[in-house]
PDB file of N, CA and C in Angstrom:
ATOM      1  N   MET A   1     -70.707 -45.935-147.162  1.00  0.00           N
ATOM      2  CA  MET A   1     -72.134 -46.201-147.092  1.00  0.00           C
ATOM      3  C   MET A   1     -72.888 -44.904-147.377  1.00  0.00           C
ATOM      4  N   ARG A   2     -73.818 -44.958-148.273  1.00  0.00           N
ATOM      5  CA  ARG A   2     -74.628 -43.795-148.600  1.00  0.00           C
ATOM      6  C   ARG A   2     -75.868 -43.777-147.724  1.00  0.00           C
ATOM      7  N   LYS A   3     -76.382 -42.576-147.490  1.00  0.00           N
ATOM      8  CA  LYS A   3     -77.572 -42.431-146.635  1.00  0.00           C
ATOM      9  C   LYS A   3     -78.763 -43.205-147.178  1.00  0.00           C
ATOM     10  N   GLY A   4     -78.878 -43.334-148.498  1.00  0.00           N
ATOM     11  CA  GLY A   4     -80.005 -44.042-149.085  1.00  0.00           C
ATOM     12  C   GLY A   4     -79.967 -45.546-148.856  1.00  0.00           C
ATOM     13  N   ASP A   5     -78.822 -46.069-148.429  1.00  0.00           N
ATOM     14  CA  ASP A   5     -78.660 -47.508-148.222  1.00  0.00           C
ATOM     15  C   ASP A   5     -79.092 -47.950-146.831  1.00  0.00           C
ATOM     16  N   VAL A   6     -79.499 -47.042-145.997  1.00  0.00           N
ATOM     17  CA  VAL A   6     -79.819 -47.374-144.610  1.00  0.00           C
ATOM     18  C   VAL A   6     -81.290 -47.077-144.320  1.00  0.00           C
ATOM     19  N   GLU A   7     -81.749 -47.645-143.224  1.00  0.00           N
ATOM     20  CA  GLU A   7     -83.129 -47.441-142.795  1.00  0.00           C
ATOM     21  C   GLU A   7     -83.109 -46.911-141.361  1.00  0.00           C
ATOM     22  N   VAL A   8     -83.923 -45.919-141.099  1.00  0.00           N
ATOM     23  CA  VAL A   8     -84.036 -45.341-139.764  1.00  0.00           C
ATOM     24  C   VAL A   8     -85.244 -45.968-139.080  1.00  0.00           C
ATOM     25  N   LYS A   9     -85.024 -46.482-137.869  1.00  0.00           N
ATOM     26  CA  LYS A   9     -86.104 -47.145-137.144  1.00  0.00           C
ATOM     27  C   LYS A   9     -86.105 -46.709-135.686  1.00  0.00           C
ATOM     28  N   ALA A  10     -87.295 -46.540-135.150  1.00  0.00           N
ATOM     29  CA  ALA A  10     -87.426 -46.289-133.710  1.00  0.00           C
ATOM     30  C   ALA A  10     -87.256 -47.617-132.983  1.00  0.00           C
ATOM     31  N   CYS A  11     -86.761 -47.546-131.775  1.00  0.00           N
ATOM     32  CA  CYS A  11     -86.495 -48.738-130.981  1.00  0.00           C
ATOM     33  C   CYS A  11     -87.037 -48.473-129.576  1.00  0.00           C
ATOM     34  N   SER A  12     -87.723 -49.442-128.995  1.00  0.00           N
ATOM     35  CA  SER A  12     -88.329 -49.217-127.677  1.00  0.00           C
ATOM     36  C   SER A  12     -87.398 -49.543-126.518  1.00  0.00           C
ATOM     37  N   ASP A  13     -86.317 -50.277-126.798  1.00  0.00           N
ATOM     38  CA  ASP A  13     -85.352 -50.612-125.747  1.00  0.00           C
ATOM     39  C   ASP A  13     -84.011 -50.946-126.392  1.00  0.00           C
ATOM     40  N   PHE A  14     -83.039 -51.240-125.557  1.00  0.00           N
ATOM     41  CA  PHE A  14     -81.711 -51.599-126.040  1.00  0.00           C
ATOM     42  C   PHE A  14     -81.657 -53.117-126.175  1.00  0.00           C
ATOM     43  N   ASP A  15     -81.483 -53.597-127.401  1.00  0.00           N
ATOM     44  CA  ASP A  15     -81.504 -55.036-127.639  1.00  0.00           C
ATOM     45  C   ASP A  15     -80.088 -55.547-127.918  1.00  0.00           C
ATOM     46  N   ASP A  16     -79.990 -56.800-128.331  1.00  0.00           N
ATOM     47  CA  ASP A  16     -78.688 -57.440-128.566  1.00  0.00           C
ATOM     48  C   ASP A  16     -77.853 -56.735-129.627  1.00  0.00           C
ATOM     49  N   ARG A  17     -78.502 -56.045-130.542  1.00  0.00           N
ATOM     50  CA  ARG A  17     -77.746 -55.342-131.588  1.00  0.00           C
ATOM     51  C   ARG A  17     -76.814 -54.297-131.012  1.00  0.00           C
ATOM     52  N   PHE A  18     -77.144 -53.752-129.840  1.00  0.00           N
ATOM     53  CA  PHE A  18     -76.295 -52.732-129.229  1.00  0.00           C
ATOM     54  C   PHE A  18     -74.970 -53.322-128.746  1.00  0.00           C
ATOM     55  N   ASP A  19     -74.969 -54.580-128.314  1.00  0.00           N
ATOM     56  CA  ASP A  19     -73.718 -55.236-127.922  1.00  0.00           C
ATOM     57  C   ASP A  19     -72.842 -55.499-129.146  1.00  0.00           C
ATOM     58  N   VAL A  20     -73.446 -55.944-130.231  1.00  0.00           N
ATOM     59  CA  VAL A  20     -72.700 -56.167-131.481  1.00  0.00           C
ATOM     60  C   VAL A  20     -72.145 -54.839-131.980  1.00  0.00           C
ATOM     61  N   PHE A  21     -72.962 -53.804-131.940  1.00  0.00           N
ATOM     62  CA  PHE A  21     -72.539 -52.462-132.354  1.00  0.00           C
ATOM     63  C   PHE A  21     -71.348 -52.001-131.514  1.00  0.00           C
ATOM     64  N   TRP A  22     -71.419 -52.202-130.192  1.00  0.00           N
ATOM     65  CA  TRP A  22     -70.343 -51.795-129.286  1.00  0.00           C
ATOM     66  C   TRP A  22     -69.040 -52.487-129.656  1.00  0.00           C
ATOM     67  N   GLU A  23     -69.095 -53.782-129.935  1.00  0.00           N
ATOM     68  CA  GLU A  23     -67.883 -54.516-130.324  1.00  0.00           C
ATOM     69  C   GLU A  23     -67.317 -53.970-131.633  1.00  0.00           C
ATOM     70  N   ASP A  24     -68.179 -53.680-132.599  1.00  0.00           N
ATOM     71  CA  ASP A  24     -67.735 -53.096-133.872  1.00  0.00           C
ATOM     72  C   ASP A  24     -67.131 -51.709-133.655  1.00  0.00           C
ATOM     73  N   LEU A  25     -67.750 -50.914-132.793  1.00  0.00           N
ATOM     74  CA  LEU A  25     -67.256 -49.566-132.512  1.00  0.00           C
ATOM     75  C   LEU A  25     -65.872 -49.615-131.861  1.00  0.00           C
ATOM     76  N   LYS A  26     -65.677 -50.540-130.926  1.00  0.00           N
ATOM     77  CA  LYS A  26     -64.361 -50.694-130.278  1.00  0.00           C
ATOM     78  C   LYS A  26     -63.295 -51.091-131.294  1.00  0.00           C
ATOM     79  N   LYS A  27     -63.624 -51.993-132.201  1.00  0.00           N
ATOM     80  CA  LYS A  27     -62.658 -52.430-133.221  1.00  0.00           C
ATOM     81  C   LYS A  27     -62.249 -51.278-134.127  1.00  0.00           C
ATOM     82  N   LYS A  28     -63.216 -50.428-134.484  1.00  0.00           N
ATOM     83  CA  LYS A  28     -62.931 -49.297-135.375  1.00  0.00           C
ATOM     84  C   LYS A  28     -62.173 -48.174-134.674  1.00  0.00           C
ATOM     85  N   ASN A  29     -62.195 -48.166-133.346  1.00  0.00           N
ATOM     86  CA  ASN A  29     -61.575 -47.078-132.573  1.00  0.00           C
ATOM     87  C   ASN A  29     -60.579 -47.630-131.559  1.00  0.00           C
ATOM     88  N   ARG A  30     -59.719 -48.529-132.004  1.00  0.00           N
ATOM     89  CA  ARG A  30     -58.777 -49.203-131.104  1.00  0.00           C
ATOM     90  C   ARG A  30     -57.896 -48.234-130.319  1.00  0.00           C
ATOM     91  N   HIS A  31     -57.595 -47.093-130.901  1.00  0.00           N
ATOM     92  CA  HIS A  31     -56.667 -46.155-130.268  1.00  0.00           C
ATOM     93  C   HIS A  31     -57.383 -44.968-129.626  1.00  0.00           C
ATOM     94  N   SER A  32     -58.669 -45.128-129.376  1.00  0.00           N
ATOM     95  CA  SER A  32     -59.452 -44.057-128.756  1.00  0.00           C
ATOM     96  C   SER A  32     -60.039 -44.539-127.435  1.00  0.00           C
ATOM     97  N   LEU A  33     -60.165 -43.609-126.517  1.00  0.00           N
ATOM     98  CA  LEU A  33     -60.827 -43.899-125.250  1.00  0.00           C
ATOM     99  C   LEU A  33     -62.317 -43.691-125.448  1.00  0.00           C
ATOM    100  N   LEU A  34     -63.095 -44.736-125.209  1.00  0.00           N
ATOM    101  CA  LEU A  34     -64.540 -44.673-125.404  1.00  0.00           C
ATOM    102  C   LEU A  34     -65.253 -44.978-124.103  1.00  0.00           C
ATOM    103  N   ALA A  35     -66.334 -44.284-123.840  1.00  0.00           N
ATOM    104  CA  ALA A  35     -67.201 -44.633-122.718  1.00  0.00           C
ATOM    105  C   ALA A  35     -67.951 -45.911-123.101  1.00  0.00           C
ATOM    106  N   VAL A  36     -68.112 -46.818-122.170  1.00  0.00           N
ATOM    107  CA  VAL A  36     -68.761 -48.100-122.444  1.00  0.00           C
ATOM    108  C   VAL A  36     -70.226 -47.882-122.786  1.00  0.00           C
ATOM    109  N   ARG A  37     -70.648 -48.505-123.885  1.00  0.00           N
ATOM    110  CA  ARG A  37     -72.034 -48.379-124.334  1.00  0.00           C
ATOM    111  C   ARG A  37     -72.606 -49.745-124.684  1.00  0.00           C
ATOM    112  N   THR A  38     -72.406 -50.698-123.797  1.00  0.00           N
ATOM    113  CA  THR A  38     -73.028 -52.004-123.992  1.00  0.00           C
ATOM    114  C   THR A  38     -74.516 -51.892-123.689  1.00  0.00           C
ATOM    115  N   ARG A  39     -75.234 -52.911-124.081  1.00  0.00           N
ATOM    116  CA  ARG A  39     -76.673 -52.949-123.781  1.00  0.00           C
ATOM    117  C   ARG A  39     -76.913 -52.799-122.280  1.00  0.00           C
ATOM    118  N   GLU A  40     -76.135 -53.509-121.488  1.00  0.00           N
ATOM    119  CA  GLU A  40     -76.302 -53.469-120.035  1.00  0.00           C
ATOM    120  C   GLU A  40     -76.088 -52.060-119.477  1.00  0.00           C
ATOM    121  N   VAL A  41     -75.059 -51.383-119.931  1.00  0.00           N
ATOM    122  CA  VAL A  41     -74.764 -50.031-119.443  1.00  0.00           C
ATOM    123  C   VAL A  41     -75.830 -49.044-119.905  1.00  0.00           C
ATOM    124  N   LEU A  42     -76.246 -49.135-121.152  1.00  0.00           N
ATOM    125  CA  LEU A  42     -77.293 -48.232-121.656  1.00  0.00           C
ATOM    126  C   LEU A  42     -78.603 -48.452-120.904  1.00  0.00           C
ATOM    127  N   ASP A  43     -78.960 -49.724-120.654  1.00  0.00           N
ATOM    128  CA  ASP A  43     -80.163 -50.029-119.862  1.00  0.00           C
ATOM    129  C   ASP A  43     -80.075 -49.410-118.476  1.00  0.00           C
ATOM    130  N   TRP A  44     -78.915 -49.553-117.848  1.00  0.00           N
ATOM    131  CA  TRP A  44     -78.727 -49.018-116.494  1.00  0.00           C
ATOM    132  C   TRP A  44     -78.823 -47.485-116.502  1.00  0.00           C
ATOM    133  N   HIS A  45     -78.104 -46.869-117.434  1.00  0.00           N
ATOM    134  CA  HIS A  45     -78.023 -45.403-117.450  1.00  0.00           C
ATOM    135  C   HIS A  45     -79.373 -44.746-117.758  1.00  0.00           C
ATOM    136  N   PHE A  46     -80.130 -45.340-118.651  1.00  0.00           N
ATOM    137  CA  PHE A  46     -81.387 -44.727-119.101  1.00  0.00           C
ATOM    138  C   PHE A  46     -82.626 -45.422-118.534  1.00  0.00           C
ATOM    139  N   LYS A  47     -82.447 -46.235-117.512  1.00  0.00           N
ATOM    140  CA  LYS A  47     -83.538 -47.037-116.945  1.00  0.00           C
ATOM    141  C   LYS A  47     -84.775 -46.205-116.619  1.00  0.00           C
ATOM    142  N   TYR A  48     -84.592 -45.152-115.840  1.00  0.00           N
ATOM    143  CA  TYR A  48     -85.751 -44.382-115.378  1.00  0.00           C
ATOM    144  C   TYR A  48     -86.387 -43.555-116.494  1.00  0.00           C
ATOM    145  N   ALA A  49     -85.581 -43.061-117.412  1.00  0.00           N
ATOM    146  CA  ALA A  49     -86.136 -42.335-118.560  1.00  0.00           C
ATOM    147  C   ALA A  49     -86.949 -43.282-119.443  1.00  0.00           C
ATOM    148  N   LEU A  50     -86.480 -44.521-119.601  1.00  0.00           N
ATOM    149  CA  LEU A  50     -87.239 -45.509-120.370  1.00  0.00           C
ATOM    150  C   LEU A  50     -88.542 -45.862-119.664  1.00  0.00           C
ATOM    151  N   LEU A  51     -88.453 -46.092-118.360  1.00  0.00           N
ATOM    152  CA  LEU A  51     -89.654 -46.439-117.592  1.00  0.00           C
ATOM    153  C   LEU A  51     -90.684 -45.310-117.618  1.00  0.00           C
ATOM    154  N   GLY A  52     -90.209 -44.070-117.642  1.00  0.00           N
ATOM    155  CA  GLY A  52     -91.104 -42.916-117.659  1.00  0.00           C
ATOM    156  C   GLY A  52     -91.502 -42.472-119.055  1.00  0.00           C
ATOM    157  N   ASN A  53     -91.146 -43.288-120.068  1.00  0.00           N
ATOM    158  CA  ASN A  53     -91.464 -42.955-121.453  1.00  0.00           C
ATOM    159  C   ASN A  53     -90.929 -41.571-121.835  1.00  0.00           C
ATOM    160  N   GLN A  54     -89.732 -41.276-121.378  1.00  0.00           N
ATOM    161  CA  GLN A  54     -89.108 -39.987-121.656  1.00  0.00           C
ATOM    162  C   GLN A  54     -87.937 -40.089-122.615  1.00  0.00           C
ATOM    163  N   LEU A  55     -87.776 -41.245-123.255  1.00  0.00           N
ATOM    164  CA  LEU A  55     -86.617 -41.478-124.096  1.00  0.00           C
ATOM    165  C   LEU A  55     -87.036 -41.980-125.466  1.00  0.00           C
ATOM    166  N   TRP A  56     -86.388 -41.477-126.491  1.00  0.00           N
ATOM    167  CA  TRP A  56     -86.541 -41.998-127.845  1.00  0.00           C
ATOM    168  C   TRP A  56     -85.209 -42.588-128.254  1.00  0.00           C
ATOM    169  N   ILE A  57     -85.244 -43.803-128.738  1.00  0.00           N
ATOM    170  CA  ILE A  57     -84.049 -44.441-129.285  1.00  0.00           C
ATOM    171  C   ILE A  57     -84.287 -44.578-130.780  1.00  0.00           C
ATOM    172  N   VAL A  58     -83.427 -43.964-131.559  1.00  0.00           N
ATOM    173  CA  VAL A  58     -83.546 -44.010-133.013  1.00  0.00           C
ATOM    174  C   VAL A  58     -82.315 -44.722-133.548  1.00  0.00           C
ATOM    175  N   THR A  59     -82.539 -45.770-134.338  1.00  0.00           N
ATOM    176  CA  THR A  59     -81.428 -46.543-134.876  1.00  0.00           C
ATOM    177  C   THR A  59     -81.330 -46.366-136.381  1.00  0.00           C
ATOM    178  N   VAL A  60     -80.120 -46.523-136.876  1.00  0.00           N
ATOM    179  CA  VAL A  60     -79.876 -46.562-138.314  1.00  0.00           C
ATOM    180  C   VAL A  60     -79.361 -47.964-138.592  1.00  0.00           C
ATOM    181  N   VAL A  61     -80.071 -48.681-139.446  1.00  0.00           N
ATOM    182  CA  VAL A  61     -79.714 -50.068-139.720  1.00  0.00           C
ATOM    183  C   VAL A  61     -79.423 -50.270-141.200  1.00  0.00           C
ATOM    184  N   ASP A  62     -78.503 -51.161-141.443  1.00  0.00           N
ATOM    185  CA  ASP A  62     -78.171 -51.602-142.785  1.00  0.00           C
ATOM    186  C   ASP A  62     -78.466 -53.094-142.792  1.00  0.00           C
ATOM    187  N   GLY A  63     -79.630 -53.467-143.309  1.00  0.00           N
ATOM    188  CA  GLY A  63     -80.102 -54.847-143.161  1.00  0.00           C
ATOM    189  C   GLY A  63     -80.484 -55.064-141.705  1.00  0.00           C
ATOM    190  N   SER A  64     -79.858 -56.027-141.074  1.00  0.00           N
ATOM    191  CA  SER A  64     -80.121 -56.253-139.645  1.00  0.00           C
ATOM    192  C   SER A  64     -79.038 -55.638-138.772  1.00  0.00           C
ATOM    193  N   ARG A  65     -78.040 -55.051-139.384  1.00  0.00           N
ATOM    194  CA  ARG A  65     -76.877 -54.510-138.669  1.00  0.00           C
ATOM    195  C   ARG A  65     -77.103 -53.068-138.237  1.00  0.00           C
ATOM    196  N   LEU A  66     -76.875 -52.803-136.974  1.00  0.00           N
ATOM    197  CA  LEU A  66     -76.961 -51.450-136.428  1.00  0.00           C
ATOM    198  C   LEU A  66     -75.682 -50.707-136.813  1.00  0.00           C
ATOM    199  N   VAL A  67     -75.824 -49.555-137.505  1.00  0.00           N
ATOM    200  CA  VAL A  67     -74.648 -48.796-137.935  1.00  0.00           C
ATOM    201  C   VAL A  67     -74.545 -47.443-137.226  1.00  0.00           C
ATOM    202  N   ALA A  68     -75.619 -47.026-136.586  1.00  0.00           N
ATOM    203  CA  ALA A  68     -75.604 -45.778-135.809  1.00  0.00           C
ATOM    204  C   ALA A  68     -76.851 -45.750-134.939  1.00  0.00           C
ATOM    205  N   TYR A  69     -76.786 -44.939-133.901  1.00  0.00           N
ATOM    206  CA  TYR A  69     -77.978 -44.722-133.087  1.00  0.00           C
ATOM    207  C   TYR A  69     -77.904 -43.341-132.454  1.00  0.00           C
ATOM    208  N   ALA A  70     -79.067 -42.856-132.091  1.00  0.00           N
ATOM    209  CA  ALA A  70     -79.164 -41.597-131.356  1.00  0.00           C
ATOM    210  C   ALA A  70     -80.198 -41.794-130.259  1.00  0.00           C
ATOM    211  N   ILE A  71     -79.934 -41.175-129.132  1.00  0.00           N
ATOM    212  CA  ILE A  71     -80.854 -41.230-128.005  1.00  0.00           C
ATOM    213  C   ILE A  71     -81.290 -39.809-127.701  1.00  0.00           C
ATOM    214  N   PHE A  72     -82.602 -39.619-127.671  1.00  0.00           N
ATOM    215  CA  PHE A  72     -83.183 -38.317-127.392  1.00  0.00           C
ATOM    216  C   PHE A  72     -83.987 -38.400-126.103  1.00  0.00           C
ATOM    217  N   LYS A  73     -83.890 -37.377-125.292  1.00  0.00           N
ATOM    218  CA  LYS A  73     -84.686 -37.316-124.068  1.00  0.00           C
ATOM    219  C   LYS A  73     -85.763 -36.250-124.248  1.00  0.00           C
ATOM    220  N   LYS A  74     -86.993 -36.638-123.939  1.00  0.00           N
ATOM    221  CA  LYS A  74     -88.110 -35.695-124.016  1.00  0.00           C
ATOM    222  C   LYS A  74     -88.030 -34.753-122.824  1.00  0.00           C
ATOM    223  N   MET A  75     -88.292 -33.490-123.086  1.00  0.00           N
ATOM    224  CA  MET A  75     -88.237 -32.485-122.027  1.00  0.00           C
ATOM    225  C   MET A  75     -89.399 -31.526-122.188  1.00  0.00           C
ATOM    226  N   LEU A  76     -89.748 -30.863-121.109  1.00  0.00           N
ATOM    227  CA  LEU A  76     -90.779 -29.843-121.138  1.00  0.00           C
ATOM    228  C   LEU A  76     -90.163 -28.566-120.586  1.00  0.00           C
ATOM    229  N   ASN A  77     -90.183 -27.512-121.404  1.00  0.00           N
ATOM    230  CA  ASN A  77     -89.692 -26.224-120.946  1.00  0.00           C
ATOM    231  C   ASN A  77     -90.715 -25.679-119.958  1.00  0.00           C
ATOM    232  N   ARG A  78     -90.357 -25.672-118.696  1.00  0.00           N
ATOM    233  CA  ARG A  78     -91.309 -25.284-117.645  1.00  0.00           C
ATOM    234  C   ARG A  78     -91.778 -23.836-117.776  1.00  0.00           C
ATOM    235  N   GLY A  79     -90.946 -22.976-118.329  1.00  0.00           N
ATOM    236  CA  GLY A  79     -91.330 -21.579-118.482  1.00  0.00           C
ATOM    237  C   GLY A  79     -92.372 -21.368-119.562  1.00  0.00           C
ATOM    238  N   SER A  80     -92.162 -22.010-120.706  1.00  0.00           N
ATOM    239  CA  SER A  80     -93.071 -21.779-121.834  1.00  0.00           C
ATOM    240  C   SER A  80     -94.045 -22.933-122.057  1.00  0.00           C
ATOM    241  N   GLY A  81     -93.769 -24.081-121.464  1.00  0.00           N
ATOM    242  CA  GLY A  81     -94.620 -25.246-121.678  1.00  0.00           C
ATOM    243  C   GLY A  81     -94.375 -25.948-123.002  1.00  0.00           C
ATOM    244  N   VAL A  82     -93.335 -25.522-123.725  1.00  0.00           N
ATOM    245  CA  VAL A  82     -93.012 -26.106-125.024  1.00  0.00           C
ATOM    246  C   VAL A  82     -92.317 -27.455-124.817  1.00  0.00           C
ATOM    247  N   LYS A  83     -92.771 -28.456-125.543  1.00  0.00           N
ATOM    248  CA  LYS A  83     -92.126 -29.761-125.490  1.00  0.00           C
ATOM    249  C   LYS A  83     -90.871 -29.715-126.356  1.00  0.00           C
ATOM    250  N   GLN A  84     -89.785 -30.258-125.815  1.00  0.00           N
ATOM    251  CA  GLN A  84     -88.514 -30.263-126.513  1.00  0.00           C
ATOM    252  C   GLN A  84     -87.895 -31.645-126.409  1.00  0.00           C
ATOM    253  N   VAL A  85     -86.919 -31.907-127.262  1.00  0.00           N
ATOM    254  CA  VAL A  85     -86.106 -33.109-127.139  1.00  0.00           C
ATOM    255  C   VAL A  85     -84.648 -32.688-127.135  1.00  0.00           C
ATOM    256  N   MET A  86     -83.870 -33.442-126.385  1.00  0.00           N
ATOM    257  CA  MET A  86     -82.446 -33.167-126.304  1.00  0.00           C
ATOM    258  C   MET A  86     -81.692 -34.404-126.779  1.00  0.00           C
ATOM    259  N   LEU A  87     -80.753 -34.222-127.679  1.00  0.00           N
ATOM    260  CA  LEU A  87     -79.898 -35.310-128.120  1.00  0.00           C
ATOM    261  C   LEU A  87     -78.911 -35.600-126.996  1.00  0.00           C
ATOM    262  N   VAL A  88     -78.988 -36.793-126.409  1.00  0.00           N
ATOM    263  CA  VAL A  88     -78.110 -37.109-125.280  1.00  0.00           C
ATOM    264  C   VAL A  88     -76.993 -38.076-125.651  1.00  0.00           C
ATOM    265  N   ASP A  89     -77.128 -38.780-126.770  1.00  0.00           N
ATOM    266  CA  ASP A  89     -76.050 -39.667-127.214  1.00  0.00           C
ATOM    267  C   ASP A  89     -76.220 -39.954-128.693  1.00  0.00           C
ATOM    268  N   TYR A  90     -75.107 -39.953-129.394  1.00  0.00           N
ATOM    269  CA  TYR A  90     -75.085 -40.327-130.808  1.00  0.00           C
ATOM    270  C   TYR A  90     -73.799 -41.094-131.040  1.00  0.00           C
ATOM    271  N   GLN A  91     -73.915 -42.251-131.649  1.00  0.00           N
ATOM    272  CA  GLN A  91     -72.748 -43.050-131.999  1.00  0.00           C
ATOM    273  C   GLN A  91     -72.946 -43.595-133.400  1.00  0.00           C
ATOM    274  N   SER A  92     -71.853 -43.666-134.146  1.00  0.00           N
ATOM    275  CA  SER A  92     -71.896 -44.178-135.503  1.00  0.00           C
ATOM    276  C   SER A  92     -70.629 -44.971-135.775  1.00  0.00           C
ATOM    277  N   LEU A  93     -70.748 -45.991-136.603  1.00  0.00           N
ATOM    278  CA  LEU A  93     -69.568 -46.746-137.001  1.00  0.00           C
ATOM    279  C   LEU A  93     -68.717 -45.954-137.980  1.00  0.00           C
ATOM    280  N   GLU A  94     -69.298 -44.957-138.609  1.00  0.00           N
ATOM    281  CA  GLU A  94     -68.542 -44.071-139.492  1.00  0.00           C
ATOM    282  C   GLU A  94     -67.876 -42.989-138.652  1.00  0.00           C
ATOM    283  N   ALA A  95     -66.749 -42.515-139.116  1.00  0.00           N
ATOM    284  CA  ALA A  95     -66.003 -41.497-138.377  1.00  0.00           C
ATOM    285  C   ALA A  95     -66.521 -40.091-138.672  1.00  0.00           C
ATOM    286  N   SER A  96     -67.790 -39.995-139.025  1.00  0.00           N
ATOM    287  CA  SER A  96     -68.374 -38.694-139.337  1.00  0.00           C
ATOM    288  C   SER A  96     -69.784 -38.646-138.756  1.00  0.00           C
ATOM    289  N   THR A  97     -70.423 -37.524-138.951  1.00  0.00           N
ATOM    290  CA  THR A  97     -71.805 -37.376-138.482  1.00  0.00           C
ATOM    291  C   THR A  97     -72.796 -37.594-139.629  1.00  0.00           C
ATOM    292  N   SER A  98     -72.383 -38.273-140.672  1.00  0.00           N
ATOM    293  CA  SER A  98     -73.237 -38.433-141.851  1.00  0.00           C
ATOM    294  C   SER A  98     -74.532 -39.199-141.553  1.00  0.00           C
ATOM    295  N   MET A  99     -74.532 -40.053-140.563  1.00  0.00           N
ATOM    296  CA  MET A  99     -75.752 -40.806-140.221  1.00  0.00           C
ATOM    297  C   MET A  99     -76.698 -39.993-139.347  1.00  0.00           C
ATOM    298  N   LEU A 100     -76.233 -38.862-138.842  1.00  0.00           N
ATOM    299  CA  LEU A 100     -77.087 -38.027-137.997  1.00  0.00           C
ATOM    300  C   LEU A 100     -78.219 -37.391-138.808  1.00  0.00           C
ATOM    301  N   GLU A 101     -77.950 -37.040-140.058  1.00  0.00           N
ATOM    302  CA  GLU A 101     -79.005 -36.443-140.894  1.00  0.00           C
ATOM    303  C   GLU A 101     -80.197 -37.384-141.084  1.00  0.00           C
ATOM    304  N   PRO A 102     -79.970 -38.659-141.452  1.00  0.00           N
ATOM    305  CA  PRO A 102     -81.126 -39.547-141.565  1.00  0.00           C
ATOM    306  C   PRO A 102     -81.851 -39.735-140.233  1.00  0.00           C
ATOM    307  N   VAL A 103     -81.108 -39.729-139.129  1.00  0.00           N
ATOM    308  CA  VAL A 103     -81.723 -39.871-137.800  1.00  0.00           C
ATOM    309  C   VAL A 103     -82.654 -38.695-137.541  1.00  0.00           C
ATOM    310  N   LEU A 104     -82.169 -37.491-137.776  1.00  0.00           N
ATOM    311  CA  LEU A 104     -82.973 -36.298-137.510  1.00  0.00           C
ATOM    312  C   LEU A 104     -84.161 -36.192-138.456  1.00  0.00           C
ATOM    313  N   SER A 105     -83.994 -36.623-139.699  1.00  0.00           N
ATOM    314  CA  SER A 105     -85.113 -36.554-140.619  1.00  0.00           C
ATOM    315  C   SER A 105     -86.155 -37.633-140.313  1.00  0.00           C
ATOM    316  N   GLY A 106     -85.758 -38.656-139.553  1.00  0.00           N
ATOM    317  CA  GLY A 106     -86.697 -39.718-139.207  1.00  0.00           C
ATOM    318  C   GLY A 106     -87.492 -39.446-137.956  1.00  0.00           C
ATOM    319  N   LEU A 107     -87.262 -38.303-137.311  1.00  0.00           N
ATOM    320  CA  LEU A 107     -88.003 -37.993-136.071  1.00  0.00           C
ATOM    321  C   LEU A 107     -89.434 -37.659-136.343  1.00  0.00           C
TER     322      LEU A 107
END
């Protein structure tokens, strides 16, 4: 898959596509130990950051299919007052970080 074939979209919450993505990710990584990233687990883990509007969810889609996502947490450097974001999770169906570039350019 080439980067030009995908679309980067912001997402306000974890929807059903994340469960489909999780199943696809497990199939592609049958011999790897993966932390569970179902919609339910992501909702639970990031609940308060979502409620506090401190989270950005950026998806990479091919048609309606989710092929990668990144989760960024908004932060404020208390010393300098500079607003920052921290990449807290990135997953891709590809075995590389090639989808990370479109994600970062879409911020």
